[in-house]
């Protein structure tokens, strides 16, 4: 099978768009706040079948934060380091959404979609389920393949996340919510 480019998975027609006021999208946001280990890119997932939440998950494993000052990392990330080195050598840097496997903190196995699916022991209950994703507006190739393999029928996102300013505001809100939560 020929791997499709990341641009393929960013096509609007692959996703359903829902408002941030949608009850499952609100829950996805809550999952991101409670479970995401990636403050730079917090994402929460809720998987729903027949109106019932069957799984939740958030991205991250803490790798980036543990390696902030490590050699061969930029902001804790090996992909960012490699991308910078490629650019310095006059080569194209890594595209967003590609080569996740080069960094343990970016690997698709720690993406919210996969982590939520892995929590479900009987994968047959995921057939025809709907994913609600808060924090991003597209899924990578690997996550898309995992979702397809278990029969996910629809992925709902918030269209505003296409706007980088909206993403920045979300990161700032996430940091405030995390700080408030840790003070309790």
N, C-alpha and C. Protein backbone atom coordinates (compact mmCIF):
# COMPACT_ATOMS: atom_id res chain seq x y z
N UNK A 1 0.84 -1.18 0.00
CA UNK A 1 0.00 0.00 0.00
C UNK A 1 0.89 1.25 0.00
N UNK A 2 0.57 2.17 -0.85
CA UNK A 2 1.34 3.41 -0.93
C UNK A 2 0.88 4.37 0.16
N UNK A 3 1.83 4.89 0.92
CA UNK A 3 1.50 5.84 1.98
C UNK A 3 1.09 7.17 1.35
N UNK A 4 -0.01 7.72 1.84
CA UNK A 4 -0.48 9.00 1.34
C UNK A 4 0.24 10.11 2.07
N UNK A 5 0.33 11.26 1.44
CA UNK A 5 1.00 12.40 2.06
C UNK A 5 0.16 12.92 3.22
N UNK A 6 0.82 13.65 4.11
CA UNK A 6 0.12 14.21 5.26
C UNK A 6 -0.98 15.17 4.81
N UNK A 7 -0.79 15.81 3.68
CA UNK A 7 -1.80 16.72 3.17
C UNK A 7 -3.12 15.99 2.92
N UNK A 8 -3.05 14.70 2.55
CA UNK A 8 -4.26 13.91 2.33
C UNK A 8 -5.10 13.88 3.60
N UNK A 9 -4.47 13.70 4.74
CA UNK A 9 -5.19 13.56 6.01
C UNK A 9 -5.61 14.91 6.58
N UNK A 10 -5.23 15.98 5.93
CA UNK A 10 -5.65 17.32 6.34
C UNK A 10 -6.83 17.81 5.49
N UNK A 11 -7.35 16.96 4.62
CA UNK A 11 -8.46 17.36 3.76
C UNK A 11 -9.74 17.49 4.58
N UNK A 12 -10.40 18.63 4.45
CA UNK A 12 -11.60 18.95 5.22
C UNK A 12 -12.70 17.90 5.09
N UNK A 13 -12.85 17.32 3.91
CA UNK A 13 -13.96 16.39 3.70
C UNK A 13 -13.82 15.07 4.47
N UNK A 14 -12.66 14.82 5.06
CA UNK A 14 -12.49 13.61 5.86
C UNK A 14 -13.10 13.75 7.26
N UNK A 15 -13.41 14.96 7.67
CA UNK A 15 -13.82 15.23 9.04
C UNK A 15 -15.21 15.85 9.10
N UNK A 16 -15.84 15.69 10.25
CA UNK A 16 -17.07 16.41 10.56
C UNK A 16 -16.69 17.51 11.53
N UNK A 17 -17.31 18.66 11.38
CA UNK A 17 -16.97 19.79 12.23
C UNK A 17 -18.11 20.04 13.21
N UNK A 18 -17.75 20.15 14.47
CA UNK A 18 -18.73 20.45 15.50
C UNK A 18 -18.22 21.64 16.32
N UNK A 19 -19.15 22.28 16.99
CA UNK A 19 -18.84 23.45 17.79
C UNK A 19 -18.25 23.03 19.14
N UNK A 20 -17.53 23.94 19.75
CA UNK A 20 -16.95 23.66 21.07
C UNK A 20 -18.02 23.47 22.13
N UNK A 21 -19.24 23.87 21.85
CA UNK A 21 -20.33 23.69 22.81
C UNK A 21 -20.95 22.30 22.76
N UNK A 22 -20.60 21.50 21.76
CA UNK A 22 -21.10 20.13 21.67
C UNK A 22 -20.71 19.36 22.93
N UNK A 23 -21.63 18.58 23.49
CA UNK A 23 -21.35 17.92 24.77
C UNK A 23 -20.16 16.97 24.71
N UNK A 24 -20.00 16.26 23.60
CA UNK A 24 -18.87 15.34 23.50
C UNK A 24 -17.55 16.09 23.25
N UNK A 25 -17.65 17.23 22.57
CA UNK A 25 -16.45 18.03 22.37
C UNK A 25 -16.02 18.66 23.69
N UNK A 26 -16.98 19.09 24.49
CA UNK A 26 -16.66 19.62 25.83
C UNK A 26 -15.97 18.54 26.66
N UNK A 27 -16.47 17.33 26.57
CA UNK A 27 -15.86 16.22 27.31
C UNK A 27 -14.45 15.93 26.80
N UNK A 28 -14.25 16.03 25.48
CA UNK A 28 -12.91 15.84 24.91
C UNK A 28 -11.94 16.88 25.44
N UNK A 29 -12.40 18.10 25.57
CA UNK A 29 -11.57 19.17 26.14
C UNK A 29 -11.22 18.84 27.58
N UNK A 30 -12.20 18.38 28.34
CA UNK A 30 -11.96 18.00 29.74
C UNK A 30 -10.93 16.87 29.83
N UNK A 31 -11.02 15.90 28.93
CA UNK A 31 -10.05 14.80 28.90
C UNK A 31 -8.65 15.34 28.63
N UNK A 32 -8.54 16.29 27.71
CA UNK A 32 -7.24 16.90 27.42
C UNK A 32 -6.67 17.55 28.68
N UNK A 33 -7.49 18.31 29.38
CA UNK A 33 -7.03 19.01 30.58
C UNK A 33 -6.61 18.01 31.66
N UNK A 34 -7.37 16.96 31.83
CA UNK A 34 -7.10 16.00 32.90
C UNK A 34 -5.97 15.01 32.57
N UNK A 35 -5.79 14.68 31.29
CA UNK A 35 -4.90 13.58 30.96
C UNK A 35 -3.73 13.89 30.04
N UNK A 36 -3.79 14.98 29.26
CA UNK A 36 -2.71 15.23 28.30
C UNK A 36 -1.39 15.49 29.02
N UNK A 37 -0.35 14.88 28.50
CA UNK A 37 1.00 15.06 29.04
C UNK A 37 1.85 15.91 28.10
N UNK A 38 1.20 16.63 27.20
CA UNK A 38 1.90 17.44 26.22
C UNK A 38 1.33 18.85 26.23
N UNK A 39 1.84 19.72 27.10
CA UNK A 39 1.29 21.07 27.18
C UNK A 39 1.48 21.92 25.92
N UNK A 40 2.44 21.56 25.08
CA UNK A 40 2.65 22.31 23.86
C UNK A 40 1.55 22.00 22.84
N UNK A 41 0.97 20.81 22.92
CA UNK A 41 -0.04 20.39 21.96
C UNK A 41 -1.06 19.48 22.63
N UNK A 42 -1.81 19.98 23.62
CA UNK A 42 -2.74 19.12 24.36
C UNK A 42 -3.95 18.70 23.53
N UNK A 43 -4.19 17.41 23.49
CA UNK A 43 -5.31 16.86 22.71
C UNK A 43 -6.06 15.86 23.57
N UNK A 44 -7.38 15.93 23.50
CA UNK A 44 -8.24 14.97 24.18
C UNK A 44 -9.17 14.30 23.18
N UNK A 45 -9.46 13.04 23.44
CA UNK A 45 -10.31 12.24 22.55
C UNK A 45 -11.41 11.59 23.38
N UNK A 46 -12.61 11.58 22.81
CA UNK A 46 -13.71 10.80 23.35
C UNK A 46 -14.24 9.97 22.19
N UNK A 47 -14.40 8.68 22.42
CA UNK A 47 -14.97 7.80 21.39
C UNK A 47 -16.38 7.45 21.84
N UNK A 48 -17.35 7.69 20.94
CA UNK A 48 -18.76 7.53 21.26
C UNK A 48 -19.39 6.54 20.29
N UNK A 49 -20.19 5.62 20.85
CA UNK A 49 -20.96 4.71 20.01
C UNK A 49 -22.39 4.72 20.52
N UNK A 50 -23.30 4.97 19.62
CA UNK A 50 -24.73 5.01 19.95
C UNK A 50 -25.01 5.96 21.11
N UNK A 51 -24.33 7.11 21.12
CA UNK A 51 -24.56 8.13 22.13
C UNK A 51 -23.93 7.86 23.48
N UNK A 52 -23.12 6.80 23.58
CA UNK A 52 -22.48 6.42 24.84
C UNK A 52 -20.96 6.51 24.68
N UNK A 53 -20.29 7.13 25.64
CA UNK A 53 -18.83 7.20 25.62
C UNK A 53 -18.27 5.82 25.93
N UNK A 54 -17.44 5.30 25.01
CA UNK A 54 -16.85 3.97 25.21
C UNK A 54 -15.36 4.04 25.51
N UNK A 55 -14.74 5.20 25.25
CA UNK A 55 -13.31 5.34 25.56
C UNK A 55 -12.92 6.82 25.56
N UNK A 56 -11.89 7.11 26.33
CA UNK A 56 -11.31 8.45 26.39
C UNK A 56 -9.80 8.31 26.36
N UNK A 57 -9.13 9.31 25.85
CA UNK A 57 -7.68 9.29 25.86
C UNK A 57 -7.11 10.65 25.54
N UNK A 58 -5.89 10.86 25.95
CA UNK A 58 -5.19 12.12 25.67
C UNK A 58 -3.78 11.79 25.21
N UNK A 59 -3.16 12.76 24.59
CA UNK A 59 -1.84 12.53 24.02
C UNK A 59 -0.71 12.73 25.03
N UNK A 60 0.43 12.19 24.66
CA UNK A 60 1.65 12.45 25.41
C UNK A 60 2.08 11.33 26.33
N UNK A 61 3.37 11.37 26.63
CA UNK A 61 3.96 10.42 27.59
C UNK A 61 4.99 11.11 28.49
N UNK A 62 5.07 12.44 28.38
CA UNK A 62 6.00 13.19 29.21
C UNK A 62 7.42 13.25 28.69
N UNK A 63 7.70 12.61 27.56
CA UNK A 63 9.06 12.54 27.02
C UNK A 63 9.64 13.94 26.77
N UNK A 64 8.88 14.79 26.08
CA UNK A 64 9.39 16.12 25.75
C UNK A 64 9.76 16.91 27.00
N UNK A 65 8.89 16.87 27.98
CA UNK A 65 9.13 17.63 29.21
C UNK A 65 10.33 17.09 29.98
N UNK A 66 10.54 15.79 29.93
CA UNK A 66 11.68 15.17 30.63
C UNK A 66 13.01 15.45 29.93
N UNK A 67 12.96 15.84 28.66
CA UNK A 67 14.17 16.03 27.87
C UNK A 67 14.36 17.47 27.40
N UNK A 68 13.81 18.42 28.12
CA UNK A 68 13.89 19.82 27.70
C UNK A 68 15.32 20.31 27.52
N UNK A 69 16.22 19.88 28.37
CA UNK A 69 17.61 20.36 28.30
C UNK A 69 18.58 19.28 27.85
N UNK A 70 18.06 18.28 27.18
CA UNK A 70 18.91 17.17 26.73
C UNK A 70 19.57 17.47 25.39
N UNK A 71 20.75 16.89 25.23
CA UNK A 71 21.46 17.00 23.96
C UNK A 71 20.64 16.30 22.87
N UNK A 72 20.70 16.80 21.66
CA UNK A 72 20.01 16.25 20.50
C UNK A 72 18.49 16.42 20.58
N UNK A 73 18.05 17.42 21.31
CA UNK A 73 16.64 17.76 21.43
C UNK A 73 16.48 19.27 21.30
N UNK A 74 15.35 19.69 20.79
CA UNK A 74 14.94 21.10 20.84
C UNK A 74 13.57 21.09 21.48
N UNK A 75 13.43 21.82 22.58
CA UNK A 75 12.21 21.81 23.38
C UNK A 75 11.83 20.37 23.74
N UNK A 76 12.83 19.55 23.99
CA UNK A 76 12.59 18.16 24.38
C UNK A 76 12.29 17.20 23.26
N UNK A 77 12.37 17.67 22.03
CA UNK A 77 11.92 16.86 20.89
C UNK A 77 13.08 16.54 19.94
N UNK A 78 13.24 15.26 19.63
CA UNK A 78 14.25 14.84 18.65
C UNK A 78 13.87 15.26 17.23
N UNK A 79 12.56 15.25 16.90
CA UNK A 79 12.13 15.64 15.57
C UNK A 79 12.49 17.10 15.28
N UNK A 80 12.28 17.96 16.26
CA UNK A 80 12.63 19.37 16.06
C UNK A 80 14.14 19.53 15.85
N UNK A 81 14.92 18.77 16.61
CA UNK A 81 16.38 18.81 16.46
C UNK A 81 16.77 18.36 15.06
N UNK A 82 16.24 17.21 14.62
CA UNK A 82 16.56 16.68 13.29
C UNK A 82 16.13 17.66 12.20
N UNK A 83 14.96 18.25 12.37
CA UNK A 83 14.47 19.20 11.39
C UNK A 83 15.39 20.41 11.27
N UNK A 84 15.86 20.90 12.40
CA UNK A 84 16.78 22.04 12.39
C UNK A 84 18.09 21.66 11.69
N UNK A 85 18.60 20.48 11.97
CA UNK A 85 19.85 20.03 11.35
C UNK A 85 19.68 19.89 9.83
N UNK A 86 18.55 19.36 9.40
CA UNK A 86 18.29 19.25 7.96
C UNK A 86 18.26 20.64 7.32
N UNK A 87 17.56 21.55 7.97
CA UNK A 87 17.45 22.91 7.45
C UNK A 87 18.83 23.58 7.39
N UNK A 88 19.65 23.39 8.42
CA UNK A 88 21.00 23.96 8.43
C UNK A 88 21.87 23.39 7.32
N UNK A 89 21.57 22.14 6.92
CA UNK A 89 22.33 21.50 5.84
C UNK A 89 21.76 21.85 4.46
N UNK A 90 20.77 22.75 4.44
CA UNK A 90 20.19 23.16 3.16
C UNK A 90 19.18 22.19 2.61
N UNK A 91 18.70 21.29 3.45
CA UNK A 91 17.71 20.29 3.02
C UNK A 91 16.35 20.67 3.60
N UNK A 92 15.30 20.14 3.00
CA UNK A 92 13.97 20.44 3.55
C UNK A 92 13.81 19.86 4.95
N UNK A 93 13.24 20.67 5.84
CA UNK A 93 13.01 20.17 7.20
C UNK A 93 11.82 19.21 7.20
N UNK A 94 11.66 18.48 8.30
CA UNK A 94 10.57 17.53 8.40
C UNK A 94 9.23 18.26 8.36
N UNK A 95 8.28 17.68 7.65
CA UNK A 95 6.95 18.28 7.58
C UNK A 95 6.17 17.92 8.83
N UNK A 96 5.26 18.80 9.19
CA UNK A 96 4.36 18.50 10.30
C UNK A 96 3.63 17.20 10.00
N UNK A 97 3.58 16.32 10.98
CA UNK A 97 2.86 15.06 10.80
C UNK A 97 3.66 13.93 10.21
N UNK A 98 4.93 14.14 9.93
CA UNK A 98 5.75 13.09 9.33
C UNK A 98 6.90 12.71 10.25
N UNK A 99 7.33 11.47 10.15
CA UNK A 99 8.48 10.93 10.87
C UNK A 99 8.29 10.97 12.39
N UNK A 100 7.07 10.73 12.85
CA UNK A 100 6.81 10.72 14.29
C UNK A 100 7.68 9.70 15.01
N UNK A 101 8.01 8.62 14.34
CA UNK A 101 8.77 7.55 14.98
C UNK A 101 10.19 7.95 15.38
N UNK A 102 10.67 9.08 14.89
CA UNK A 102 12.03 9.52 15.22
C UNK A 102 12.14 10.09 16.63
N UNK A 103 11.00 10.34 17.28
CA UNK A 103 11.01 10.91 18.64
C UNK A 103 10.01 10.15 19.51
N UNK A 104 10.45 9.58 20.62
CA UNK A 104 9.52 8.86 21.50
C UNK A 104 8.36 9.71 22.02
N UNK A 105 8.53 11.01 22.07
CA UNK A 105 7.45 11.88 22.52
C UNK A 105 6.46 12.20 21.42
N UNK A 106 6.83 11.96 20.18
CA UNK A 106 5.96 12.25 19.04
C UNK A 106 5.36 10.98 18.44
N UNK A 107 5.90 9.83 18.77
CA UNK A 107 5.45 8.56 18.19
C UNK A 107 3.93 8.45 18.22
N UNK A 108 3.35 7.96 17.14
CA UNK A 108 1.89 7.87 17.06
C UNK A 108 1.28 7.02 18.17
N UNK A 109 2.06 6.14 18.78
CA UNK A 109 1.52 5.30 19.86
C UNK A 109 1.17 6.12 21.11
N UNK A 110 1.65 7.36 21.18
CA UNK A 110 1.28 8.23 22.30
C UNK A 110 0.32 9.34 21.85
N UNK A 111 -0.25 9.18 20.65
CA UNK A 111 -1.28 10.10 20.19
C UNK A 111 -2.60 9.74 20.87
N UNK A 112 -3.43 10.73 21.06
CA UNK A 112 -4.69 10.54 21.79
C UNK A 112 -5.59 9.48 21.15
N UNK A 113 -5.66 9.45 19.82
CA UNK A 113 -6.53 8.49 19.15
C UNK A 113 -6.14 7.06 19.52
N UNK A 114 -4.86 6.76 19.40
CA UNK A 114 -4.37 5.40 19.66
C UNK A 114 -4.49 5.06 21.14
N UNK A 115 -4.16 6.01 22.01
CA UNK A 115 -4.25 5.74 23.45
C UNK A 115 -5.69 5.44 23.86
N UNK A 116 -6.66 6.16 23.29
CA UNK A 116 -8.07 5.89 23.62
C UNK A 116 -8.47 4.50 23.12
N UNK A 117 -8.09 4.18 21.90
CA UNK A 117 -8.45 2.87 21.32
C UNK A 117 -7.82 1.74 22.13
N UNK A 118 -6.58 1.93 22.56
CA UNK A 118 -5.89 0.89 23.32
C UNK A 118 -6.56 0.59 24.67
N UNK A 119 -7.32 1.53 25.19
CA UNK A 119 -8.01 1.31 26.46
C UNK A 119 -9.19 0.36 26.34
N UNK A 120 -9.61 0.09 25.11
CA UNK A 120 -10.78 -0.76 24.87
C UNK A 120 -10.33 -2.19 24.63
N UNK A 121 -10.73 -3.10 25.52
CA UNK A 121 -10.29 -4.49 25.36
C UNK A 121 -11.05 -5.20 24.23
N UNK A 122 -12.34 -4.95 24.10
CA UNK A 122 -13.13 -5.56 23.03
C UNK A 122 -13.29 -4.54 21.91
N UNK A 123 -12.41 -4.61 20.94
CA UNK A 123 -12.37 -3.62 19.85
C UNK A 123 -13.64 -3.63 19.00
N UNK A 124 -14.42 -4.71 19.06
CA UNK A 124 -15.64 -4.77 18.25
C UNK A 124 -16.64 -3.69 18.66
N UNK A 125 -16.57 -3.18 19.88
CA UNK A 125 -17.50 -2.12 20.28
C UNK A 125 -17.14 -0.78 19.63
N UNK A 126 -16.00 -0.72 18.97
CA UNK A 126 -15.59 0.51 18.29
C UNK A 126 -16.13 0.61 16.87
N UNK A 127 -16.67 -0.50 16.36
CA UNK A 127 -17.21 -0.49 14.99
C UNK A 127 -18.36 0.52 14.92
N UNK A 128 -18.27 1.41 13.96
CA UNK A 128 -19.25 2.47 13.72
C UNK A 128 -19.26 3.55 14.81
N UNK A 129 -18.22 3.62 15.60
CA UNK A 129 -18.13 4.66 16.63
C UNK A 129 -17.66 5.97 16.01
N UNK A 130 -17.80 7.04 16.79
CA UNK A 130 -17.41 8.38 16.37
C UNK A 130 -16.35 8.90 17.34
N UNK A 131 -15.30 9.47 16.78
CA UNK A 131 -14.23 10.08 17.57
C UNK A 131 -14.48 11.58 17.63
N UNK A 132 -14.40 12.14 18.83
CA UNK A 132 -14.44 13.59 19.03
C UNK A 132 -13.05 14.00 19.50
N UNK A 133 -12.41 14.88 18.75
CA UNK A 133 -11.04 15.29 19.06
C UNK A 133 -11.00 16.78 19.34
N UNK A 134 -10.51 17.13 20.53
CA UNK A 134 -10.34 18.53 20.90
C UNK A 134 -8.85 18.82 20.98
N UNK A 135 -8.41 19.86 20.28
CA UNK A 135 -7.01 20.27 20.35
C UNK A 135 -6.29 20.21 19.02
N UNK A 136 -6.90 19.56 18.02
CA UNK A 136 -6.27 19.47 16.71
C UNK A 136 -7.37 19.32 15.66
N UNK A 137 -7.01 19.51 14.39
CA UNK A 137 -8.03 19.46 13.33
C UNK A 137 -7.77 18.38 12.28
N UNK A 138 -6.82 17.50 12.54
CA UNK A 138 -6.60 16.37 11.62
C UNK A 138 -5.84 15.28 12.36
N UNK A 139 -5.90 14.07 11.82
CA UNK A 139 -5.19 12.91 12.38
C UNK A 139 -4.07 12.50 11.44
N UNK A 140 -3.00 11.98 12.00
CA UNK A 140 -1.88 11.52 11.17
C UNK A 140 -2.23 10.20 10.49
N UNK A 141 -1.40 9.82 9.53
CA UNK A 141 -1.58 8.58 8.78
C UNK A 141 -1.75 7.38 9.70
N UNK A 142 -0.84 7.23 10.67
CA UNK A 142 -0.89 6.05 11.54
C UNK A 142 -2.16 6.01 12.37
N UNK A 143 -2.55 7.13 12.93
CA UNK A 143 -3.78 7.17 13.74
C UNK A 143 -4.99 6.87 12.87
N UNK A 144 -4.99 7.43 11.66
CA UNK A 144 -6.09 7.17 10.73
C UNK A 144 -6.19 5.67 10.43
N UNK A 145 -5.06 5.05 10.20
CA UNK A 145 -5.05 3.61 9.92
C UNK A 145 -5.56 2.80 11.12
N UNK A 146 -5.14 3.16 12.33
CA UNK A 146 -5.61 2.46 13.52
C UNK A 146 -7.11 2.64 13.68
N UNK A 147 -7.60 3.86 13.49
CA UNK A 147 -9.04 4.10 13.60
C UNK A 147 -9.81 3.30 12.56
N UNK A 148 -9.31 3.27 11.34
CA UNK A 148 -9.96 2.48 10.29
C UNK A 148 -9.97 1.00 10.62
N UNK A 149 -8.88 0.51 11.19
CA UNK A 149 -8.77 -0.93 11.47
C UNK A 149 -9.79 -1.41 12.50
N UNK A 150 -10.27 -0.52 13.37
CA UNK A 150 -11.26 -0.91 14.37
C UNK A 150 -12.67 -0.50 13.97
N UNK A 151 -12.81 0.15 12.83
CA UNK A 151 -14.14 0.47 12.31
C UNK A 151 -14.71 1.82 12.71
N UNK A 152 -13.86 2.73 13.17
CA UNK A 152 -14.34 4.09 13.47
C UNK A 152 -14.96 4.66 12.20
N UNK A 153 -16.17 5.21 12.29
CA UNK A 153 -16.84 5.69 11.08
C UNK A 153 -16.74 7.19 10.85
N UNK A 154 -16.41 7.95 11.90
CA UNK A 154 -16.41 9.40 11.75
C UNK A 154 -15.45 10.02 12.75
N UNK A 155 -14.80 11.10 12.34
CA UNK A 155 -13.92 11.86 13.22
C UNK A 155 -14.42 13.31 13.24
N UNK A 156 -14.80 13.77 14.43
CA UNK A 156 -15.31 15.13 14.60
C UNK A 156 -14.23 16.00 15.23
N UNK A 157 -14.05 17.18 14.66
CA UNK A 157 -13.05 18.13 15.14
C UNK A 157 -13.67 19.53 15.20
N UNK A 158 -12.95 20.45 15.81
CA UNK A 158 -13.34 21.85 15.85
C UNK A 158 -12.57 22.57 14.76
N UNK A 159 -13.28 23.12 13.80
CA UNK A 159 -12.64 23.75 12.65
C UNK A 159 -11.71 24.89 13.04
N UNK A 160 -12.03 25.58 14.15
CA UNK A 160 -11.20 26.71 14.58
C UNK A 160 -9.75 26.33 14.82
N UNK A 161 -9.47 25.05 15.09
CA UNK A 161 -8.10 24.64 15.35
C UNK A 161 -7.20 24.75 14.13
N UNK A 162 -7.78 25.00 12.95
CA UNK A 162 -6.97 25.26 11.77
C UNK A 162 -6.22 26.59 11.91
N UNK A 163 -6.75 27.47 12.72
CA UNK A 163 -6.17 28.80 12.96
C UNK A 163 -5.13 28.71 14.08
N UNK A 164 -3.91 29.05 13.75
CA UNK A 164 -2.82 28.96 14.74
C UNK A 164 -3.10 29.82 15.98
N UNK A 165 -3.75 30.94 15.80
CA UNK A 165 -4.08 31.80 16.95
C UNK A 165 -5.03 31.08 17.91
N UNK A 166 -5.96 30.33 17.37
CA UNK A 166 -6.88 29.55 18.21
C UNK A 166 -6.09 28.49 18.99
N UNK A 167 -5.11 27.87 18.33
CA UNK A 167 -4.26 26.88 18.99
C UNK A 167 -3.47 27.52 20.13
N UNK A 168 -2.93 28.71 19.90
CA UNK A 168 -2.17 29.42 20.92
C UNK A 168 -3.07 29.74 22.11
N UNK A 169 -4.27 30.21 21.84
CA UNK A 169 -5.22 30.51 22.93
C UNK A 169 -5.56 29.25 23.71
N UNK A 170 -5.72 28.14 23.02
CA UNK A 170 -6.01 26.87 23.69
C UNK A 170 -4.85 26.46 24.60
N UNK A 171 -3.60 26.58 24.11
CA UNK A 171 -2.44 26.24 24.95
C UNK A 171 -2.40 27.10 26.21
N UNK A 172 -2.68 28.38 26.05
CA UNK A 172 -2.69 29.29 27.20
C UNK A 172 -3.80 28.91 28.18
N UNK A 173 -4.98 28.61 27.65
CA UNK A 173 -6.09 28.18 28.52
C UNK A 173 -5.74 26.87 29.21
N UNK A 174 -5.15 25.95 28.46
CA UNK A 174 -4.75 24.66 29.02
C UNK A 174 -3.79 24.87 30.20
N UNK A 175 -2.80 25.74 30.02
CA UNK A 175 -1.83 26.01 31.08
C UNK A 175 -2.52 26.59 32.31
N UNK A 176 -3.46 27.51 32.10
CA UNK A 176 -4.20 28.09 33.24
C UNK A 176 -5.03 27.04 33.95
N UNK A 177 -5.73 26.21 33.17
CA UNK A 177 -6.58 25.16 33.76
C UNK A 177 -5.74 24.14 34.53
N UNK A 178 -4.59 23.77 33.98
CA UNK A 178 -3.69 22.82 34.67
C UNK A 178 -3.17 23.44 35.96
N UNK A 179 -2.80 24.71 35.91
CA UNK A 179 -2.28 25.39 37.10
C UNK A 179 -3.35 25.47 38.18
N UNK A 180 -4.56 25.80 37.78
CA UNK A 180 -5.68 25.88 38.72
C UNK A 180 -5.95 24.51 39.34
N UNK A 181 -5.91 23.49 38.50
CA UNK A 181 -6.17 22.12 38.97
C UNK A 181 -5.09 21.67 39.98
N UNK A 182 -3.83 22.02 39.70
CA UNK A 182 -2.73 21.59 40.59
C UNK A 182 -2.75 22.35 41.92
N UNK A 183 -3.37 23.52 41.96
CA UNK A 183 -3.45 24.29 43.18
C UNK A 183 -4.51 23.75 44.14
N UNK A 184 -5.43 22.97 43.61
CA UNK A 184 -6.52 22.43 44.44
C UNK A 184 -6.06 21.29 45.32
